[in-house]
């Protein structure tokens, strides 16, 4: 298997999930005592979150580029950014290293298209929902990504930063996500749901939704393991 370099800690709750899922996939697909060859660069999320709120995306790009270069220097053969929002600087990272970046947006779009989904509801941080990078890249892949209204975007962002990244997975918030998705399904003719925060699949597994729902962390891990196995 090829060695994957993970940029994690954003948050470590979902990075832990990445580690578990990748190793389970390696065991299931290769068998026996096999596990995934991984190198992890885990950041302190508090200063990252502060820079996100302050709009210091250039400084964050510099930090992640440095992390990717260190992973490459340590022997990683591809980089996996274990967060949706930080794919805002995925192209900067890809341009700075010689190994590929496995892009969570591309692999999620591929999963959507495999079931014929073309009009998806994007649930994520307000950065991911409101900035153009995610929806534009989805559009390039043939998928229209729609976002909830202002109040629901604020609530989703609050759930992520006040609860999930701090390890609080609450039943009321699980129901809130399902309610938002149901409201949008009834009113906007969506055909699928993108769980565009890497913690959302842990809070609300895809099978809880009325529509096909896609856990971006799982799709990312699946594509990363395909790369590791040369599929």
Protein backbone atom coordinates (compact mmCIF):
# COMPACT_ATOMS: atom_id res chain seq x y z
CA UNK A 1 0.00 0.00 0.00
CA UNK A 2 1.07 3.54 -0.66
CA UNK A 3 1.62 5.80 2.34
CA UNK A 4 -0.94 8.56 2.96
CA UNK A 5 -0.15 11.86 4.65
CA UNK A 6 -3.03 13.26 6.70
CA UNK A 7 -3.37 16.91 7.69
CA UNK A 8 -5.65 16.64 10.70
CA UNK A 9 -6.75 18.25 13.93
CA UNK A 10 -9.51 20.28 12.23
CA UNK A 11 -11.03 18.91 14.39
CA UNK A 12 -9.32 15.96 16.01
CA UNK A 13 -12.76 14.41 16.54
CA UNK A 14 -13.10 13.79 12.82
CA UNK A 15 -9.38 13.09 12.36
CA UNK A 16 -9.75 10.21 14.81
CA UNK A 17 -12.64 9.01 12.64
CA UNK A 18 -10.44 9.21 9.52
CA UNK A 19 -7.77 7.11 11.24
CA UNK A 20 -10.28 4.46 12.25
CA UNK A 21 -12.07 4.32 8.90
CA UNK A 22 -8.86 4.13 6.86
CA UNK A 23 -7.51 1.30 8.99
CA UNK A 24 -10.80 -0.60 8.88
CA UNK A 25 -10.87 -0.22 5.11
CA UNK A 26 -7.32 -1.54 4.85
CA UNK A 27 -8.21 -4.55 6.97
CA UNK A 28 -11.40 -5.24 5.03
CA UNK A 29 -9.86 -4.84 1.60
CA UNK A 30 -6.44 -6.43 2.13
CA UNK A 31 -7.29 -8.77 4.97
CA UNK A 32 -5.49 -10.33 7.87
CA UNK A 33 -3.48 -8.05 10.12
CA UNK A 34 -3.12 -5.27 7.55
CA UNK A 35 -3.57 -1.62 8.49
CA UNK A 36 -3.15 1.65 6.61
CA UNK A 37 0.35 3.20 6.27
CA UNK A 38 -0.29 6.75 7.51
CA UNK A 39 1.63 9.85 8.53
CA UNK A 40 -0.37 12.39 10.52
CA UNK A 41 0.31 16.12 10.89
CA UNK A 42 -2.20 17.30 13.49
CA UNK A 43 -2.64 21.02 14.12
CA UNK A 44 -3.91 22.88 17.19
CA UNK A 45 -7.40 23.82 16.04
CA UNK A 46 -8.01 26.82 18.31
CA UNK A 47 -5.62 29.21 16.48
CA UNK A 48 -6.81 27.80 13.15
CA UNK A 49 -10.43 28.59 14.08
CA UNK A 50 -9.42 32.09 15.17
CA UNK A 51 -7.76 32.72 11.80
CA UNK A 52 -10.83 31.38 10.01
CA UNK A 53 -13.08 33.80 11.87
CA UNK A 54 -10.66 36.65 11.16
CA UNK A 55 -10.51 35.79 7.46
CA UNK A 56 -6.77 35.13 7.56
CA UNK A 57 -6.95 32.52 4.83
CA UNK A 58 -3.54 33.37 3.37
CA UNK A 59 -1.84 32.63 6.69
CA UNK A 60 -3.76 29.36 6.94
CA UNK A 61 -2.72 28.43 3.41
CA UNK A 62 0.92 28.99 4.39
CA UNK A 63 0.51 26.73 7.43
CA UNK A 64 -1.09 23.92 5.47
CA UNK A 65 1.44 24.17 2.66
CA UNK A 66 4.20 23.77 5.23
CA UNK A 67 2.38 20.77 6.74
CA UNK A 68 2.02 19.16 3.31
CA UNK A 69 5.70 19.73 2.51
CA UNK A 70 6.69 18.09 5.76
CA UNK A 71 4.44 15.12 5.06
CA UNK A 72 5.95 14.79 1.59
CA UNK A 73 9.43 14.98 3.09
CA UNK A 74 8.52 12.26 5.56
CA UNK A 75 7.57 9.88 2.75
CA UNK A 76 3.86 10.48 2.14
CA UNK A 77 2.77 9.61 -1.39
CA UNK A 78 -0.47 11.64 -1.31
CA UNK A 79 -1.96 14.28 0.98
CA UNK A 80 -5.40 14.04 2.58
CA UNK A 81 -6.73 17.25 4.17
CA UNK A 82 -9.08 15.95 6.87
CA UNK A 83 -11.52 18.87 6.72
CA UNK A 84 -13.91 20.32 4.15
CA UNK A 85 -13.39 24.02 4.87
CA UNK A 86 -9.63 23.81 4.56
CA UNK A 87 -10.02 22.63 0.97
CA UNK A 88 -10.32 26.35 0.29
CA UNK A 89 -6.53 26.19 -0.06
CA UNK A 90 -6.30 22.73 -1.64
CA UNK A 91 -5.01 24.15 -4.94
CA UNK A 92 -2.32 26.14 -3.10
CA UNK A 93 -1.17 22.95 -1.43
CA UNK A 94 -1.28 20.94 -4.66
CA UNK A 95 0.84 23.58 -6.40
CA UNK A 96 3.47 23.45 -3.65
CA UNK A 97 4.16 19.71 -3.59
CA UNK A 98 4.98 17.00 -6.10
CA UNK A 99 2.56 14.40 -4.70
CA UNK A 100 -1.21 14.50 -5.29
CA UNK A 101 -3.81 16.05 -3.00
CA UNK A 102 -6.90 13.83 -2.82
CA UNK A 103 -9.66 16.43 -2.97
CA UNK A 104 -12.75 15.83 -0.84
CA UNK A 105 -14.97 17.89 -3.16
CA UNK A 106 -14.04 15.91 -6.25
CA UNK A 107 -14.52 12.51 -4.62
CA UNK A 108 -17.86 13.53 -3.11
CA UNK A 109 -19.05 14.79 -6.50
CA UNK A 110 -18.05 11.45 -8.01
CA UNK A 111 -20.15 9.62 -5.40
CA UNK A 112 -23.13 11.87 -6.08
CA UNK A 113 -22.92 11.38 -9.83
CA UNK A 114 -22.69 7.61 -9.38
CA UNK A 115 -26.29 7.60 -8.13
CA UNK A 116 -27.49 10.26 -10.58
CA UNK A 117 -27.69 13.08 -8.02
CA UNK A 118 -27.40 16.55 -9.56
CA UNK A 119 -29.01 18.97 -7.11
CA UNK A 120 -27.61 18.56 -3.60
CA UNK A 121 -28.14 20.34 -0.31
CA UNK A 122 -24.79 21.32 1.22
CA UNK A 123 -24.65 21.26 5.03
CA UNK A 124 -21.35 22.57 6.39
CA UNK A 125 -19.58 25.42 8.16
CA UNK A 126 -20.70 28.85 7.02
CA UNK A 127 -17.29 29.25 5.37
CA UNK A 128 -17.85 26.16 3.23
CA UNK A 129 -21.44 27.07 2.46
CA UNK A 130 -20.97 30.77 1.77
CA UNK A 131 -17.62 30.93 -0.02
CA UNK A 132 -17.54 30.02 -3.69
CA UNK A 133 -14.81 27.37 -3.69
CA UNK A 134 -16.96 24.39 -2.74
CA UNK A 135 -20.02 25.13 -4.85
CA UNK A 136 -17.89 26.16 -7.83
CA UNK A 137 -15.88 22.95 -7.76
CA UNK A 138 -19.06 20.92 -7.40
CA UNK A 139 -20.43 22.74 -10.45
CA UNK A 140 -17.28 21.89 -12.40
CA UNK A 141 -18.05 18.27 -11.56
CA UNK A 142 -21.64 18.58 -12.79
CA UNK A 143 -23.36 18.92 -9.39
CA UNK A 144 -25.34 21.94 -8.22
CA UNK A 145 -24.82 22.52 -4.49
CA UNK A 146 -27.54 24.53 -2.76
CA UNK A 147 -27.25 26.00 0.75
CA UNK A 148 -29.83 26.60 3.50
CA UNK A 149 -31.12 30.03 4.50
CA UNK A 150 -29.23 32.45 6.76
CA UNK A 151 -30.72 31.21 10.03
CA UNK A 152 -30.05 27.56 9.25
CA UNK A 153 -26.50 28.31 8.10
CA UNK A 154 -25.85 30.09 11.40
CA UNK A 155 -27.25 27.15 13.35
CA UNK A 156 -25.20 24.59 11.46
CA UNK A 157 -22.05 26.64 12.05
CA UNK A 158 -22.88 26.91 15.76
CA UNK A 159 -23.41 23.16 16.06
CA UNK A 160 -20.02 22.50 14.48
CA UNK A 161 -17.95 24.98 16.48
CA UNK A 162 -19.77 24.98 19.83
CA UNK A 163 -20.53 21.27 19.94
CA UNK A 164 -18.98 18.83 17.48
CA UNK A 165 -15.38 20.00 17.46
CA UNK A 166 -15.54 19.90 21.26
CA UNK A 167 -16.81 16.33 21.29
CA UNK A 168 -20.49 17.04 22.02
CA UNK A 169 -22.79 15.00 19.75
CA UNK A 170 -26.26 15.93 20.94
CA UNK A 171 -29.59 14.30 19.95
CA UNK A 172 -31.23 17.72 19.55
CA UNK A 173 -28.60 18.79 17.04
CA UNK A 174 -28.90 15.48 15.20
CA UNK A 175 -32.61 16.17 14.79
CA UNK A 176 -31.91 19.75 13.74
CA UNK A 177 -29.84 18.59 10.78
CA UNK A 178 -32.54 16.15 9.75
CA UNK A 179 -35.20 18.85 10.04
CA UNK A 180 -33.21 21.27 7.88
CA UNK A 181 -32.72 18.61 5.22
CA UNK A 182 -36.42 17.72 5.28
CA UNK A 183 -37.46 21.36 4.96
CA UNK A 184 -35.18 21.80 1.95
CA UNK A 185 -36.33 18.53 0.39
CA UNK A 186 -39.94 19.66 0.54
CA UNK A 187 -39.35 23.18 -0.67
CA UNK A 188 -36.45 23.20 -3.14
CA UNK A 189 -36.53 19.99 -5.15
CA UNK A 190 -33.15 18.73 -3.95
CA UNK A 191 -32.23 15.13 -4.74
CA UNK A 192 -29.42 14.52 -2.23
CA UNK A 193 -27.61 15.81 0.84
CA UNK A 194 -23.89 16.54 1.22
CA UNK A 195 -22.69 16.20 4.81
CA UNK A 196 -20.02 18.80 4.13
CA UNK A 197 -18.53 18.88 7.59
CA UNK A 198 -16.34 15.91 8.47
CA UNK A 199 -18.11 15.59 11.84
CA UNK A 200 -21.64 15.60 10.39
CA UNK A 201 -21.52 11.96 9.31
CA UNK A 202 -20.67 11.06 12.89
CA UNK A 203 -23.65 13.08 14.20
CA UNK A 204 -26.16 11.99 11.54
CA UNK A 205 -25.20 8.88 9.57
CA UNK A 206 -26.39 9.03 5.96
CA UNK A 207 -29.05 6.35 6.43
CA UNK A 208 -31.05 8.68 8.70
CA UNK A 209 -31.93 10.98 5.80
CA UNK A 210 -34.94 10.62 3.51
CA UNK A 211 -32.76 11.39 0.48
CA UNK A 212 -29.40 9.88 -0.51
CA UNK A 213 -26.88 11.50 1.83
CA UNK A 214 -23.13 11.48 1.47
CA UNK A 215 -20.67 11.50 4.35
CA UNK A 216 -17.76 13.47 2.90
CA UNK A 217 -15.28 12.01 5.40
CA UNK A 218 -16.22 8.46 4.40
CA UNK A 219 -16.06 9.24 0.67
CA UNK A 220 -12.69 10.89 1.21
CA UNK A 221 -11.35 7.86 3.07
CA UNK A 222 -12.65 5.53 0.37
CA UNK A 223 -10.88 7.49 -2.36
CA UNK A 224 -7.70 7.69 -0.29
CA UNK A 225 -7.71 3.93 0.23
CA UNK A 226 -8.32 3.40 -3.50
CA UNK A 227 -5.18 5.47 -4.11
CA UNK A 228 -3.22 3.58 -1.48
CA UNK A 229 -4.16 0.29 -3.09
CA UNK A 230 -3.60 1.53 -6.63
CA UNK A 231 -7.23 1.07 -7.65
